[in-house]
Amino acid sequence: MVQVNIATLKNHLSRHLAHVKQGGEIVVVDRDTPVARIIPFGPAADAIPGAKARPDDWAVQRLAELERQGLVTRGDAADVASWVKRSRPVTLPKGSPSAVALLLEERRKSTR
């Protein structure tokens, strides 16, 4: 991770953005106090010749980052499959209105 002060970032913005585009990170400091972090917006497809970025790569990378930070944990596929088998959808009693019918009724009652 590169640290750069604000003046240097302004003077060499293209060079620093190229570094970020290749997957690097930059910490922007103001008098040795970190004020911002610049990270790649999406996958660094340019770092691998011929690689194409998939539209969902950013989500995969974001989840991986959250996992590294300890904010989320990935589920186990076998546990999820067994939960799906145990948990069946709720069935409404016969003659019950649908969710759409209830929503339309609420909208009709609304005073807005």
Protein backbone atom coordinates (compact mmCIF):
# COMPACT_ATOMS: atom_id res chain seq x y z
CA MET A 1 0.00 0.00 0.00
CA VAL A 2 1.40 3.37 -1.05
CA GLN A 3 1.07 6.50 1.08
CA VAL A 4 0.99 9.82 -0.72
CA ASN A 5 0.34 13.36 0.45
CA ILE A 6 -2.37 15.47 -1.15
CA ALA A 7 -0.04 17.75 -3.13
CA THR A 8 1.85 14.81 -4.65
CA LEU A 9 -1.41 13.08 -5.51
CA LYS A 10 -2.66 16.21 -7.28
CA ASN A 11 0.62 16.64 -9.19
CA HIS A 12 0.87 12.99 -10.30
CA LEU A 13 -2.76 11.89 -10.38
CA SER A 14 -2.48 9.89 -13.63
CA ARG A 15 0.47 7.88 -12.34
CA HIS A 16 -1.28 7.09 -9.05
CA LEU A 17 -4.53 6.13 -10.79
CA ALA A 18 -2.58 3.77 -13.06
CA HIS A 19 -1.18 2.13 -9.91
CA VAL A 20 -4.69 1.70 -8.53
CA LYS A 21 -5.99 0.40 -11.85
CA GLN A 22 -3.39 -2.38 -11.68
CA GLY A 23 -4.77 -3.46 -8.31
CA GLY A 24 -2.77 -1.27 -5.95
CA GLU A 25 -4.08 0.79 -3.06
CA ILE A 26 -3.17 4.33 -2.06
CA VAL A 27 -3.57 5.97 1.33
CA VAL A 28 -3.89 9.73 1.03
CA VAL A 29 -2.37 11.58 3.99
CA ASP A 30 -2.63 15.17 5.16
CA ARG A 31 0.35 16.04 7.38
CA ASP A 32 0.93 12.33 8.12
CA THR A 33 -2.74 11.80 9.04
CA PRO A 34 -4.57 9.32 6.78
CA VAL A 35 -7.65 10.96 5.25
CA ALA A 36 -8.64 8.63 2.41
CA ARG A 37 -7.94 5.30 0.79
CA ILE A 38 -8.10 4.84 -2.97
CA ILE A 39 -8.83 1.27 -4.05
CA PRO A 40 -9.72 -0.27 -7.41
CA PHE A 41 -13.37 0.15 -8.31
CA GLY A 42 -13.61 -3.22 -10.04
CA PRO A 43 -11.34 -6.13 -10.89
CA ALA A 44 -7.96 -5.22 -12.31
CA ALA A 45 -8.50 -6.92 -15.66
CA ASP A 46 -5.65 -4.93 -17.21
CA ALA A 47 -3.15 -6.61 -14.88
CA ILE A 48 -3.71 -9.94 -16.68
CA PRO A 49 -3.30 -9.71 -20.46
CA GLY A 50 -6.38 -10.95 -22.28
CA ALA A 51 -8.48 -11.14 -19.11
CA LYS A 52 -12.03 -9.85 -19.26
CA ALA A 53 -13.79 -8.54 -16.17
CA ARG A 54 -17.14 -10.17 -15.43
CA PRO A 55 -19.95 -7.88 -14.27
CA ASP A 56 -20.24 -9.70 -10.93
CA ASP A 57 -16.50 -9.69 -10.10
CA TRP A 58 -16.86 -6.58 -7.96
CA ALA A 59 -19.42 -8.37 -5.77
CA VAL A 60 -17.13 -11.37 -5.30
CA GLN A 61 -14.23 -9.09 -4.40
CA ARG A 62 -16.38 -7.05 -2.01
CA LEU A 63 -17.57 -10.19 -0.22
CA ALA A 64 -13.98 -11.42 0.04
CA GLU A 65 -12.97 -8.07 1.56
CA LEU A 66 -15.82 -8.22 4.09
CA GLU A 67 -14.78 -11.77 4.99
CA ARG A 68 -11.16 -10.67 5.52
CA GLN A 69 -12.44 -7.93 7.84
CA GLY A 70 -14.42 -10.53 9.79
CA LEU A 71 -17.77 -8.90 9.01
CA VAL A 72 -19.25 -11.88 7.14
CA THR A 73 -18.62 -15.60 6.96
CA ARG A 74 -19.34 -17.77 3.99
CA GLY A 75 -21.96 -20.45 4.37
CA ASP A 76 -21.22 -24.12 3.87
CA ALA A 77 -22.97 -25.47 0.75
CA ALA A 78 -23.93 -28.73 2.50
CA ASP A 79 -25.48 -26.81 5.41
CA VAL A 80 -27.45 -24.62 3.04
CA ALA A 81 -28.73 -27.65 1.11
CA SER A 82 -29.86 -29.38 4.30
CA TRP A 83 -31.57 -26.19 5.51
CA VAL A 84 -33.44 -25.92 2.20
CA LYS A 85 -34.62 -29.52 2.57
CA ARG A 86 -35.81 -28.92 6.14
CA SER A 87 -37.43 -25.55 5.48
CA ARG A 88 -40.44 -25.71 3.24
CA PRO A 89 -42.28 -22.61 2.05
CA VAL A 90 -45.28 -21.48 4.05
CA THR A 91 -48.59 -22.49 2.51
CA LEU A 92 -51.53 -20.16 2.95
CA PRO A 93 -54.96 -21.46 3.85
CA LYS A 94 -57.37 -21.86 0.95
CA GLY A 95 -59.19 -18.66 0.07
CA SER A 96 -56.44 -16.42 1.49
CA PRO A 97 -55.72 -13.33 -0.62
CA SER A 98 -52.42 -13.23 -2.46
CA ALA A 99 -49.63 -10.87 -1.47
CA VAL A 100 -50.34 -8.79 -4.57
CA ALA A 101 -54.03 -8.47 -3.64
CA LEU A 102 -53.08 -7.38 -0.12
CA LEU A 103 -50.60 -4.84 -1.49
CA LEU A 104 -53.18 -3.36 -3.87
CA GLU A 105 -55.69 -3.15 -1.02
CA GLU A 106 -53.16 -1.28 1.13
CA ARG A 107 -52.47 1.14 -1.70
CA ARG A 108 -56.18 1.83 -2.10
CA LYS A 109 -56.51 2.53 1.63
CA SER A 110 -53.47 4.80 1.69
CA THR A 111 -54.18 8.49 2.32
CA ARG A 112 -51.12 9.68 0.47
